[in-house]
Amino acid sequence: MTATNMKRGVKIAVAIGTCLLTVLAVLIVWLTLTSSSCSRQVSRWEAEYGRGVEREVTLYSMTGEEIGRWEGIIDVEYTDGRVDLMFFDENGDFIDRVVVNPGAGSLVVDQV
């Protein structure tokens, strides 16, 4: 095999390797971005750093009666056995906070 043929073979091998690595990288990125855990993480980032997440929160008593309902851009945090609902306006500015203590009932959070 001559030197010219060897160089050509190396170039072909590098090109094939580069193509395979590119396909593998695209596949990994696609699988990651289309997964449920990635979707949840994006929602967390939107809530933490962006405009927030549009949610509908309903509080039910132990007997199933609706106690309260809130809609809007709401951040939900679970801390020390209680749930903090923090409300934001369209600009991401903090408006109000509601604290739901343990034993108050059931809290249902729907992302709109």
Protein backbone atom coordinates (compact mmCIF):
# COMPACT_ATOMS: atom_id res chain seq x y z
CA MET A 1 0.00 0.00 0.00
CA THR A 2 1.44 3.36 -0.95
CA ALA A 3 1.56 6.43 1.26
CA THR A 4 -1.14 8.12 -0.79
CA ASN A 5 -3.52 5.20 -0.31
CA MET A 6 -2.78 5.16 3.46
CA LYS A 7 -3.55 8.86 3.79
CA ARG A 8 -6.76 8.37 1.86
CA GLY A 9 -7.73 5.42 4.11
CA VAL A 10 -7.05 7.46 7.25
CA LYS A 11 -9.16 10.33 5.93
CA ILE A 12 -12.04 7.97 5.18
CA ALA A 13 -11.76 6.38 8.64
CA VAL A 14 -11.77 9.82 10.31
CA ALA A 15 -14.79 10.91 8.24
CA ILE A 16 -16.74 7.76 9.14
CA GLY A 17 -15.79 8.11 12.82
CA THR A 18 -16.86 11.75 12.84
CA CYS A 19 -20.21 10.87 11.26
CA LEU A 20 -20.84 8.10 13.79
CA LEU A 21 -19.98 10.37 16.72
CA THR A 22 -22.25 13.09 15.34
CA VAL A 23 -25.15 10.66 14.96
CA LEU A 24 -24.55 9.34 18.48
CA ALA A 25 -24.44 12.86 19.95
CA VAL A 26 -27.66 13.85 18.15
CA LEU A 27 -29.35 10.67 19.38
CA ILE A 28 -28.31 11.31 22.99
CA VAL A 29 -29.48 14.94 22.85
CA TRP A 30 -32.79 13.92 21.26
CA LEU A 31 -33.44 11.19 23.87
CA THR A 32 -32.59 13.59 26.67
CA LEU A 33 -34.77 16.44 25.42
CA THR A 34 -37.80 14.25 24.73
CA SER A 35 -37.73 12.50 28.12
CA SER A 36 -40.22 13.23 30.90
CA SER A 37 -37.46 14.06 33.35
CA CYS A 38 -36.10 16.68 30.94
CA SER A 39 -39.58 18.15 30.56
CA ARG A 40 -39.90 18.39 34.35
CA GLN A 41 -36.47 20.00 34.61
CA VAL A 42 -37.39 22.58 31.97
CA SER A 43 -40.52 23.41 34.00
CA ARG A 44 -38.38 23.82 37.10
CA TRP A 45 -36.03 26.16 35.24
CA GLU A 46 -38.98 28.18 33.92
CA ALA A 47 -40.35 28.50 37.45
CA GLU A 48 -36.99 29.34 38.99
CA TYR A 49 -35.42 31.62 36.38
CA GLY A 50 -38.07 32.55 33.88
CA ARG A 51 -41.48 34.08 33.88
CA GLY A 52 -42.82 31.22 35.97
CA VAL A 53 -45.22 28.39 35.32
CA GLU A 54 -48.93 28.84 34.81
CA ARG A 55 -50.67 26.63 37.38
CA GLU A 56 -54.06 25.92 38.90
CA VAL A 57 -53.95 24.90 42.58
CA THR A 58 -56.94 23.55 44.50
CA LEU A 59 -57.06 22.83 48.24
CA TYR A 60 -59.57 20.23 49.43
CA SER A 61 -60.60 19.47 53.02
CA MET A 62 -60.28 16.00 54.51
CA THR A 63 -63.92 15.41 53.56
CA GLY A 64 -63.33 16.40 49.93
CA GLU A 65 -64.84 19.89 50.01
CA GLU A 66 -63.03 22.61 48.10
CA ILE A 67 -61.45 25.07 50.53
CA GLY A 68 -59.49 27.26 48.14
CA ARG A 69 -58.53 27.64 44.48
CA TRP A 70 -55.75 29.71 42.96
CA GLU A 71 -54.79 30.27 39.32
CA GLY A 72 -51.87 32.09 37.80
CA ILE A 73 -48.12 32.01 37.81
CA ILE A 74 -47.46 30.02 40.97
CA ASP A 75 -44.28 28.54 42.39
CA VAL A 76 -44.90 25.56 44.70
CA GLU A 77 -42.32 24.66 47.36
CA TYR A 78 -42.50 21.87 49.93
CA THR A 79 -40.55 22.89 53.04
CA ASP A 80 -40.54 21.41 56.54
CA GLY A 81 -43.84 19.59 56.06
CA ARG A 82 -45.71 22.60 54.69
CA VAL A 83 -46.44 23.82 51.17
CA ASP A 84 -45.63 27.40 50.19
CA LEU A 85 -47.52 28.83 47.21
CA MET A 86 -45.79 31.92 45.84
CA PHE A 87 -47.63 34.07 43.32
CA PHE A 88 -45.99 36.15 40.60
CA ASP A 89 -47.26 38.67 38.05
CA GLU A 90 -46.59 38.54 34.29
CA ASN A 91 -43.22 40.28 34.78
CA GLY A 92 -42.04 37.67 37.30
CA ASP A 93 -42.41 40.03 40.27
CA PHE A 94 -43.48 38.49 43.58
CA ILE A 95 -47.08 39.30 44.56
CA ASP A 96 -48.17 37.14 47.50
CA ARG A 97 -47.60 33.92 49.44
CA VAL A 98 -50.01 31.32 50.83
CA VAL A 99 -48.78 28.70 53.31
CA VAL A 100 -50.65 25.40 53.52
CA ASN A 101 -49.86 23.58 56.77
CA PRO A 102 -49.82 19.80 57.20
CA GLY A 103 -53.21 18.30 57.93
CA ALA A 104 -55.07 21.09 56.11
CA GLY A 105 -56.26 18.65 53.46
CA SER A 106 -55.22 17.66 49.97
CA LEU A 107 -53.53 20.02 47.57
CA VAL A 108 -53.90 19.40 43.82
CA VAL A 109 -51.50 21.24 41.50
CA ASP A 110 -52.17 21.27 37.76
CA GLN A 111 -49.79 22.83 35.26
CA VAL A 112 -51.84 24.71 32.69
